[in-house]
Amino acid sequence: QIKLVHVSAVMLSGSFFALRGLSLLAGLQWPR
């Protein structure tokens, strides 16, 4: 269970970082 939470959080962290970063590069302000 702990490993599942950890791996899920890794995927969420990386995905959300990519989404925020690409949105910021596109000139959107919501990531801030």
Full PDB file with SEQRES, HELIX, SHEET, SSBOND, CRYST1, ORIGX, SCALE, CONECT and MASTER records, all heavy atoms in Angstrom:
SEQRES   1 A   32  GLN ILE LYS LEU VAL HIS VAL SER ALA VAL MET LEU SER          
SEQRES   2 A   32  GLY SER PHE PHE ALA LEU ARG GLY LEU SER LEU LEU ALA          
SEQRES   3 A   32  GLY LEU GLN TRP PRO ARG                                      
HELIX    1 AA1 ILE A    2  LEU A   25  1                                  24    
CRYST1    1.000    1.000    1.000  90.00  90.00  90.00 P 1           1          
ORIGX1      1.000000  0.000000  0.000000        0.00000                         
ORIGX2      0.000000  1.000000  0.000000        0.00000                         
ORIGX3      0.000000  0.000000  1.000000        0.00000                         
SCALE1      1.000000  0.000000  0.000000        0.00000                         
SCALE2      0.000000  1.000000  0.000000        0.00000                         
SCALE3      0.000000  0.000000  1.000000        0.00000                         
ATOM      1  N   GLN A   1       0.826  -1.209   0.000  1.00  0.00           N  
ATOM      2  CA  GLN A   1       0.000   0.000   0.000  1.00  0.00           C  
ATOM      3  C   GLN A   1       0.867   1.269   0.000  1.00  0.00           C  
ATOM      4  O   GLN A   1       0.564   2.232  -0.709  1.00  0.00           O  
ATOM      5  CB  GLN A   1      -0.931   0.020   1.227  1.00  0.00           C  
ATOM      6  CG  GLN A   1      -1.979  -1.063   1.214  1.00  0.00           C  
ATOM      7  CD  GLN A   1      -1.513  -2.372   1.853  1.00  0.00           C  
ATOM      8  OE1 GLN A   1      -0.343  -2.572   2.158  1.00  0.00           O  
ATOM      9  NE2 GLN A   1      -2.447  -3.288   2.037  1.00  0.00           N  
ATOM     10  N   ILE A   2       1.924   1.247   0.795  1.00  0.00           N  
ATOM     11  CA  ILE A   2       2.808   2.417   0.855  1.00  0.00           C  
ATOM     12  C   ILE A   2       3.501   2.623  -0.494  1.00  0.00           C  
ATOM     13  O   ILE A   2       3.605   3.748  -0.990  1.00  0.00           O  
ATOM     14  CB  ILE A   2       3.840   2.268   1.989  1.00  0.00           C  
ATOM     15  CG1 ILE A   2       3.126   2.234   3.342  1.00  0.00           C  
ATOM     16  CG2 ILE A   2       4.854   3.417   1.959  1.00  0.00           C  
ATOM     17  CD1 ILE A   2       4.016   1.813   4.489  1.00  0.00           C  
ATOM     18  N   LYS A   3       3.942   1.532  -1.108  1.00  0.00           N  
ATOM     19  CA  LYS A   3       4.599   1.647  -2.412  1.00  0.00           C  
ATOM     20  C   LYS A   3       3.616   2.178  -3.462  1.00  0.00           C  
ATOM     21  O   LYS A   3       3.986   3.014  -4.293  1.00  0.00           O  
ATOM     22  CB  LYS A   3       5.167   0.296  -2.853  1.00  0.00           C  
ATOM     23  CG  LYS A   3       5.906   0.400  -4.173  1.00  0.00           C  
ATOM     24  CD  LYS A   3       6.542  -0.890  -4.601  1.00  0.00           C  
ATOM     25  CE  LYS A   3       7.238  -0.691  -5.935  1.00  0.00           C  
ATOM     26  NZ  LYS A   3       7.745  -1.929  -6.482  1.00  0.00           N  
ATOM     27  N   LEU A   4       2.365   1.718  -3.422  1.00  0.00           N  
ATOM     28  CA  LEU A   4       1.355   2.211  -4.356  1.00  0.00           C  
ATOM     29  C   LEU A   4       1.139   3.718  -4.188  1.00  0.00           C  
ATOM     30  O   LEU A   4       1.077   4.459  -5.177  1.00  0.00           O  
ATOM     31  CB  LEU A   4       0.034   1.460  -4.164  1.00  0.00           C  
ATOM     32  CG  LEU A   4      -1.132   1.938  -5.033  1.00  0.00           C  
ATOM     33  CD1 LEU A   4      -0.834   1.726  -6.513  1.00  0.00           C  
ATOM     34  CD2 LEU A   4      -2.412   1.222  -4.638  1.00  0.00           C  
ATOM     35  N   VAL A   5       1.053   4.177  -2.956  1.00  0.00           N  
ATOM     36  CA  VAL A   5       0.896   5.615  -2.697  1.00  0.00           C  
ATOM     37  C   VAL A   5       2.116   6.372  -3.223  1.00  0.00           C  
ATOM     38  O   VAL A   5       1.986   7.408  -3.878  1.00  0.00           O  
ATOM     39  CB  VAL A   5       0.678   5.888  -1.190  1.00  0.00           C  
ATOM     40  CG1 VAL A   5       0.797   7.374  -0.879  1.00  0.00           C  
ATOM     41  CG2 VAL A   5      -0.673   5.352  -0.744  1.00  0.00           C  
ATOM     42  N   HIS A   6       3.304   5.833  -2.957  1.00  0.00           N  
ATOM     43  CA  HIS A   6       4.540   6.489  -3.394  1.00  0.00           C  
ATOM     44  C   HIS A   6       4.608   6.579  -4.919  1.00  0.00           C  
ATOM     45  O   HIS A   6       4.854   7.665  -5.472  1.00  0.00           O  
ATOM     46  CB  HIS A   6       5.745   5.725  -2.842  1.00  0.00           C  
ATOM     47  CG  HIS A   6       7.054   6.294  -3.269  1.00  0.00           C  
ATOM     48  ND1 HIS A   6       7.501   7.529  -2.847  1.00  0.00           N  
ATOM     49  CD2 HIS A   6       8.014   5.808  -4.087  1.00  0.00           C  
ATOM     50  CE1 HIS A   6       8.680   7.771  -3.390  1.00  0.00           C  
ATOM     51  NE2 HIS A   6       9.016   6.750  -4.152  1.00  0.00           N  
ATOM     52  N   VAL A   7       4.387   5.473  -5.598  1.00  0.00           N  
ATOM     53  CA  VAL A   7       4.471   5.460  -7.066  1.00  0.00           C  
ATOM     54  C   VAL A   7       3.397   6.364  -7.666  1.00  0.00           C  
ATOM     55  O   VAL A   7       3.663   7.097  -8.634  1.00  0.00           O  
ATOM     56  CB  VAL A   7       4.374   4.011  -7.604  1.00  0.00           C  
ATOM     57  CG1 VAL A   7       4.228   3.982  -9.112  1.00  0.00           C  
ATOM     58  CG2 VAL A   7       5.597   3.204  -7.168  1.00  0.00           C  
ATOM     59  N   SER A   8       2.205   6.340  -7.099  1.00  0.00           N  
ATOM     60  CA  SER A   8       1.132   7.223  -7.588  1.00  0.00           C  
ATOM     61  C   SER A   8       1.509   8.688  -7.404  1.00  0.00           C  
ATOM     62  O   SER A   8       1.285   9.511  -8.297  1.00  0.00           O  
ATOM     63  CB  SER A   8      -0.175   6.928  -6.843  1.00  0.00           C  
ATOM     64  OG  SER A   8      -0.580   5.598  -7.063  1.00  0.00           O  
ATOM     65  N   ALA A   9       2.102   9.011  -6.262  1.00  0.00           N  
ATOM     66  CA  ALA A   9       2.514  10.393  -6.015  1.00  0.00           C  
ATOM     67  C   ALA A   9       3.639  10.813  -6.956  1.00  0.00           C  
ATOM     68  O   ALA A   9       3.687  11.970  -7.399  1.00  0.00           O  
ATOM     69  CB  ALA A   9       2.936  10.566  -4.557  1.00  0.00           C  
ATOM     70  N   VAL A  10       4.537   9.888  -7.285  1.00  0.00           N  
ATOM     71  CA  VAL A  10       5.603  10.190  -8.254  1.00  0.00           C  
ATOM     72  C   VAL A  10       4.986  10.561  -9.601  1.00  0.00           C  
ATOM     73  O   VAL A  10       5.358  11.575 -10.216  1.00  0.00           O  
ATOM     74  CB  VAL A  10       6.567   8.988  -8.415  1.00  0.00           C  
ATOM     75  CG1 VAL A  10       7.470   9.166  -9.626  1.00  0.00           C  
ATOM     76  CG2 VAL A  10       7.394   8.782  -7.161  1.00  0.00           C  
ATOM     77  N   MET A  11       4.041   9.759 -10.060  1.00  0.00           N  
ATOM     78  CA  MET A  11       3.415  10.018 -11.356  1.00  0.00           C  
ATOM     79  C   MET A  11       2.608  11.325 -11.333  1.00  0.00           C  
ATOM     80  O   MET A  11       2.665  12.109 -12.286  1.00  0.00           O  
ATOM     81  CB  MET A  11       2.490   8.857 -11.743  1.00  0.00           C  
ATOM     82  CG  MET A  11       3.223   7.551 -12.012  1.00  0.00           C  
ATOM     83  SD  MET A  11       4.364   7.691 -13.402  1.00  0.00           S  
ATOM     84  CE  MET A  11       5.922   7.551 -12.581  1.00  0.00           C  
ATOM     85  N   LEU A  12       1.893  11.568 -10.240  1.00  0.00           N  
ATOM     86  CA  LEU A  12       1.149  12.822 -10.123  1.00  0.00           C  
ATOM     87  C   LEU A  12       2.086  14.028 -10.088  1.00  0.00           C  
ATOM     88  O   LEU A  12       1.826  15.039 -10.746  1.00  0.00           O  
ATOM     89  CB  LEU A  12       0.303  12.815  -8.849  1.00  0.00           C  
ATOM     90  CG  LEU A  12      -1.046  12.130  -8.928  1.00  0.00           C  
ATOM     91  CD1 LEU A  12      -1.673  12.035  -7.537  1.00  0.00           C  
ATOM     92  CD2 LEU A  12      -1.969  12.877  -9.865  1.00  0.00           C  
ATOM     93  N   SER A  13       3.164  13.920  -9.334  1.00  0.00           N  
ATOM     94  CA  SER A  13       4.109  15.027  -9.222  1.00  0.00           C  
ATOM     95  C   SER A  13       4.710  15.365 -10.581  1.00  0.00           C  
ATOM     96  O   SER A  13       4.726  16.538 -10.990  1.00  0.00           O  
ATOM     97  CB  SER A  13       5.216  14.664  -8.229  1.00  0.00           C  
ATOM     98  OG  SER A  13       6.163  15.706  -8.142  1.00  0.00           O  
ATOM     99  N   GLY A  14       5.204  14.369 -11.283  1.00  0.00           N  
ATOM    100  CA  GLY A  14       5.810  14.602 -12.594  1.00  0.00           C  
ATOM    101  C   GLY A  14       4.814  15.118 -13.618  1.00  0.00           C  
ATOM    102  O   GLY A  14       5.108  16.048 -14.378  1.00  0.00           O  
ATOM    103  N   SER A  15       3.626  14.540 -13.630  1.00  0.00           N  
ATOM    104  CA  SER A  15       2.595  14.964 -14.586  1.00  0.00           C  
ATOM    105  C   SER A  15       2.126  16.385 -14.321  1.00  0.00           C  
ATOM    106  O   SER A  15       1.978  17.191 -15.242  1.00  0.00           O  
ATOM    107  CB  SER A  15       1.399  14.009 -14.525  1.00  0.00           C  
ATOM    108  OG  SER A  15       1.783  12.710 -14.858  1.00  0.00           O  
ATOM    109  N   PHE A  16       1.905  16.695 -13.043  1.00  0.00           N  
ATOM    110  CA  PHE A  16       1.436  18.042 -12.700  1.00  0.00           C  
ATOM    111  C   PHE A  16       2.515  19.077 -12.962  1.00  0.00           C  
ATOM    112  O   PHE A  16       2.233  20.185 -13.428  1.00  0.00           O  
ATOM    113  CB  PHE A  16       0.952  18.069 -11.241  1.00  0.00           C  
ATOM    114  CG  PHE A  16       0.123  19.267 -10.901  1.00  0.00           C  
ATOM    115  CD1 PHE A  16      -0.986  19.605 -11.656  1.00  0.00           C  
ATOM    116  CD2 PHE A  16       0.448  20.062  -9.812  1.00  0.00           C  
ATOM    117  CE1 PHE A  16      -1.758  20.717 -11.345  1.00  0.00           C  
ATOM    118  CE2 PHE A  16      -0.312  21.174  -9.488  1.00  0.00           C  
ATOM    119  CZ  PHE A  16      -1.420  21.501 -10.263  1.00  0.00           C  
ATOM    120  N   PHE A  17       3.772  18.714 -12.704  1.00  0.00           N  
ATOM    121  CA  PHE A  17       4.886  19.617 -13.011  1.00  0.00           C  
ATOM    122  C   PHE A  17       4.919  19.893 -14.514  1.00  0.00           C  
ATOM    123  O   PHE A  17       5.056  21.045 -14.945  1.00  0.00           O  
ATOM    124  CB  PHE A  17       6.212  19.010 -12.555  1.00  0.00           C  
ATOM    125  CG  PHE A  17       7.405  19.795 -13.003  1.00  0.00           C  
ATOM    126  CD1 PHE A  17       7.765  20.968 -12.370  1.00  0.00           C  
ATOM    127  CD2 PHE A  17       8.167  19.371 -14.083  1.00  0.00           C  
ATOM    128  CE1 PHE A  17       8.859  21.708 -12.802  1.00  0.00           C  
ATOM    129  CE2 PHE A  17       9.256  20.096 -14.516  1.00  0.00           C  
ATOM    130  CZ  PHE A  17       9.610  21.270 -13.877  1.00  0.00           C  
ATOM    131  N   ALA A  18       4.794  18.844 -15.329  1.00  0.00           N  
ATOM    132  CA  ALA A  18       4.830  19.013 -16.788  1.00  0.00           C  
ATOM    133  C   ALA A  18       3.662  19.881 -17.257  1.00  0.00           C  
ATOM    134  O   ALA A  18       3.851  20.778 -18.092  1.00  0.00           O  
ATOM    135  CB  ALA A  18       4.794  17.653 -17.471  1.00  0.00           C  
ATOM    136  N   LEU A  19       2.471  19.632 -16.724  1.00  0.00           N  
ATOM    137  CA  LEU A  19       1.300  20.418 -17.106  1.00  0.00           C  
ATOM    138  C   LEU A  19       1.469  21.890 -16.736  1.00  0.00           C  
ATOM    139  O   LEU A  19       1.221  22.779 -17.560  1.00  0.00           O  
ATOM    140  CB  LEU A  19       0.049  19.850 -16.423  1.00  0.00           C  
ATOM    141  CG  LEU A  19      -1.246  20.603 -16.670  1.00  0.00           C  
ATOM    142  CD1 LEU A  19      -1.635  20.542 -18.144  1.00  0.00           C  
ATOM    143  CD2 LEU A  19      -2.361  20.029 -15.807  1.00  0.00           C  
ATOM    144  N   ARG A  20       1.931  22.140 -15.516  1.00  0.00           N  
ATOM    145  CA  ARG A  20       2.148  23.532 -15.091  1.00  0.00           C  
ATOM    146  C   ARG A  20       3.243  24.193 -15.919  1.00  0.00           C  
ATOM    147  O   ARG A  20       3.120  25.347 -16.336  1.00  0.00           O  
ATOM    148  CB  ARG A  20       2.525  23.582 -13.615  1.00  0.00           C  
ATOM    149  CG  ARG A  20       1.374  23.307 -12.675  1.00  0.00           C  
ATOM    150  CD  ARG A  20       1.800  23.333 -11.228  1.00  0.00           C  
ATOM    151  NE  ARG A  20       2.193  24.683 -10.849  1.00  0.00           N  
ATOM    152  CZ  ARG A  20       3.137  24.952  -9.948  1.00  0.00           C  
ATOM    153  NH1 ARG A  20       3.794  23.988  -9.330  1.00  0.00           N  
ATOM    154  NH2 ARG A  20       3.433  26.195  -9.651  1.00  0.00           N  
ATOM    155  N   GLY A  21       4.340  23.460 -16.172  1.00  0.00           N  
ATOM    156  CA  GLY A  21       5.446  24.023 -16.937  1.00  0.00           C  
ATOM    157  C   GLY A  21       5.067  24.352 -18.362  1.00  0.00           C  
ATOM    158  O   GLY A  21       5.374  25.439 -18.874  1.00  0.00           O  
ATOM    159  N   LEU A  22       4.378  23.430 -19.031  1.00  0.00           N  
ATOM    160  CA  LEU A  22       3.953  23.681 -20.415  1.00  0.00           C  
ATOM    161  C   LEU A  22       2.938  24.821 -20.478  1.00  0.00           C  
ATOM    162  O   LEU A  22       2.968  25.634 -21.404  1.00  0.00           O  
ATOM    163  CB  LEU A  22       3.379  22.399 -21.027  1.00  0.00           C  
ATOM    164  CG  LEU A  22       4.395  21.290 -21.274  1.00  0.00           C  
ATOM    165  CD1 LEU A  22       3.698  20.010 -21.720  1.00  0.00           C  
ATOM    166  CD2 LEU A  22       5.435  21.726 -22.303  1.00  0.00           C  
ATOM    167  N   SER A  23       2.055  24.884 -19.492  1.00  0.00           N  
ATOM    168  CA  SER A  23       1.074  25.976 -19.446  1.00  0.00           C  
ATOM    169  C   SER A  23       1.766  27.322 -19.262  1.00  0.00           C  
ATOM    170  O   SER A  23       1.392  28.315 -19.885  1.00  0.00           O  
ATOM    171  CB  SER A  23       0.074  25.744 -18.314  1.00  0.00           C  
ATOM    172  OG  SER A  23      -0.680  24.588 -18.557  1.00  0.00           O  
ATOM    173  N   LEU A  24       2.783  27.332 -18.424  1.00  0.00           N  
ATOM    174  CA  LEU A  24       3.530  28.574 -18.198  1.00  0.00           C  
ATOM    175  C   LEU A  24       4.260  28.995 -19.473  1.00  0.00           C  
ATOM    176  O   LEU A  24       4.270  30.179 -19.829  1.00  0.00           O  
ATOM    177  CB  LEU A  24       4.517  28.371 -17.054  1.00  0.00           C  
ATOM    178  CG  LEU A  24       4.988  29.609 -16.314  1.00  0.00           C  
ATOM    179  CD1 LEU A  24       3.811  30.373 -15.730  1.00  0.00           C  
ATOM    180  CD2 LEU A  24       5.946  29.210 -15.212  1.00  0.00           C  
ATOM    181  N   LEU A  25       4.841  28.032 -20.179  1.00  0.00           N  
ATOM    182  CA  LEU A  25       5.521  28.347 -21.441  1.00  0.00           C  
ATOM    183  C   LEU A  25       4.538  28.874 -22.492  1.00  0.00           C  
ATOM    184  O   LEU A  25       4.912  29.656 -23.365  1.00  0.00           O  
ATOM    185  CB  LEU A  25       6.249  27.113 -21.983  1.00  0.00           C  
ATOM    186  CG  LEU A  25       7.515  26.715 -21.246  1.00  0.00           C  
ATOM    187  CD1 LEU A  25       8.078  25.412 -21.817  1.00  0.00           C  
ATOM    188  CD2 LEU A  25       8.562  27.810 -21.296  1.00  0.00           C  
ATOM    189  N   ALA A  26       3.282  28.428 -22.393  1.00  0.00           N  
ATOM    190  CA  ALA A  26       2.247  28.894 -23.320  1.00  0.00           C  
ATOM    191  C   ALA A  26       1.713  30.269 -22.945  1.00  0.00           C  
ATOM    192  O   ALA A  26       0.842  30.813 -23.626  1.00  0.00           O  
ATOM    193  CB  ALA A  26       1.103  27.885 -23.369  1.00  0.00           C  
ATOM    194  N   GLY A  27       2.224  30.834 -21.851  1.00  0.00           N  
ATOM    195  CA  GLY A  27       1.818  32.173 -21.452  1.00  0.00           C  
ATOM    196  C   GLY A  27       0.640  32.228 -20.497  1.00  0.00           C  
ATOM    197  O   GLY A  27       0.136  33.314 -20.203  1.00  0.00           O  
ATOM    198  N   LEU A  28       0.189  31.101 -20.023  1.00  0.00           N  
ATOM    199  CA  LEU A  28      -0.931  31.078 -19.083  1.00  0.00           C  
ATOM    200  C   LEU A  28      -0.441  31.425 -17.682  1.00  0.00           C  
ATOM    201  O   LEU A  28       0.700  31.131 -17.324  1.00  0.00           O  
ATOM    202  CB  LEU A  28      -1.601  29.695 -19.090  1.00  0.00           C  
ATOM    203  CG  LEU A  28      -2.110  29.227 -20.466  1.00  0.00           C  
ATOM    204  CD1 LEU A  28      -2.647  27.814 -20.381  1.00  0.00           C  
ATOM    205  CD2 LEU A  28      -3.167  30.184 -20.988  1.00  0.00           C  
ATOM    206  N   GLN A  29      -1.307  32.015 -16.895  1.00  0.00           N  
ATOM    207  CA  GLN A  29      -0.928  32.452 -15.541  1.00  0.00           C  
ATOM    208  C   GLN A  29      -1.407  31.521 -14.436  1.00  0.00           C  
ATOM    209  O   GLN A  29      -0.934  31.619 -13.307  1.00  0.00           O  
ATOM    210  CB  GLN A  29      -1.454  33.866 -15.287  1.00  0.00           C  
ATOM    211  CG  GLN A  29      -0.762  34.916 -16.123  1.00  0.00           C  
ATOM    212  CD  GLN A  29       0.739  34.918 -15.923  1.00  0.00           C  
ATOM    213  OE1 GLN A  29       1.230  34.946 -14.794  1.00  0.00           O  
ATOM    214  NE2 GLN A  29       1.492  34.860 -17.010  1.00  0.00           N  
ATOM    215  N   TRP A  30      -2.322  30.580 -14.720  1.00  0.00           N  
ATOM    216  CA  TRP A  30      -2.861  29.734 -13.655  1.00  0.00           C  
ATOM    217  C   TRP A  30      -1.797  28.917 -12.920  1.00  0.00           C  
ATOM    218  O   TRP A  30      -1.975  28.656 -11.724  1.00  0.00           O  
ATOM    219  CB  TRP A  30      -3.982  28.828 -14.173  1.00  0.00           C  
ATOM    220  CG  TRP A  30      -3.531  27.689 -15.056  1.00  0.00           C  
ATOM    221  CD1 TRP A  30      -3.519  27.676 -16.414  1.00  0.00           C  
ATOM    222  CD2 TRP A  30      -3.036  26.422 -14.632  1.00  0.00           C  
ATOM    223  NE1 TRP A  30      -3.027  26.470 -16.868  1.00  0.00           N  
ATOM    224  CE2 TRP A  30      -2.734  25.678 -15.786  1.00  0.00           C  
ATOM    225  CE3 TRP A  30      -2.815  25.838 -13.397  1.00  0.00           C  
ATOM    226  CZ2 TRP A  30      -2.220  24.386 -15.746  1.00  0.00           C  
ATOM    227  CZ3 TRP A  30      -2.298  24.541 -13.351  1.00  0.00           C  
ATOM    228  CH2 TRP A  30      -2.019  23.838 -14.516  1.00  0.00           C  
ATOM    229  N   PRO A  31      -0.687  28.522 -13.548  1.00  0.00           N  
ATOM    230  CA  PRO A  31       0.295  27.730 -12.799  1.00  0.00           C  
ATOM    231  C   PRO A  31       0.912  28.471 -11.610  1.00  0.00           C  
ATOM    232  O   PRO A  31       1.436  27.844 -10.693  1.00  0.00           O  
ATOM    233  CB  PRO A  31       1.368  27.401 -13.830  1.00  0.00           C  
ATOM    234  CG  PRO A  31       0.681  27.491 -15.139  1.00  0.00           C  
ATOM    235  CD  PRO A  31      -0.316  28.595 -14.962  1.00  0.00           C  
ATOM    236  N   ARG A  32       0.839  29.795 -11.613  1.00  0.00           N  
ATOM    237  CA  ARG A  32       1.414  30.579 -10.514  1.00  0.00           C  
ATOM    238  C   ARG A  32       0.401  30.887  -9.414  1.00  0.00           C  
ATOM    239  O   ARG A  32       0.770  31.416  -8.379  1.00  0.00           O  
ATOM    240  CB  ARG A  32       1.975  31.884 -11.048  1.00  0.00           C  
ATOM    241  CG  ARG A  32       3.245  31.709 -11.805  1.00  0.00           C  
ATOM    242  CD  ARG A  32       4.010  33.027 -11.823  1.00  0.00           C  
ATOM    243  NE  ARG A  32       5.177  32.892 -12.651  1.00  0.00           N  
ATOM    244  CZ  ARG A  32       5.282  33.351 -13.891  1.00  0.00           C  
ATOM    245  NH1 ARG A  32       4.292  33.992 -14.444  1.00  0.00           N  
ATOM    246  NH2 ARG A  32       6.392  33.178 -14.570  1.00  0.00           N  
TER     247      ARG A  32                                                      
MASTER        0    0    0    1    0    0    0    6  246    1    0    3          
END                                                                             
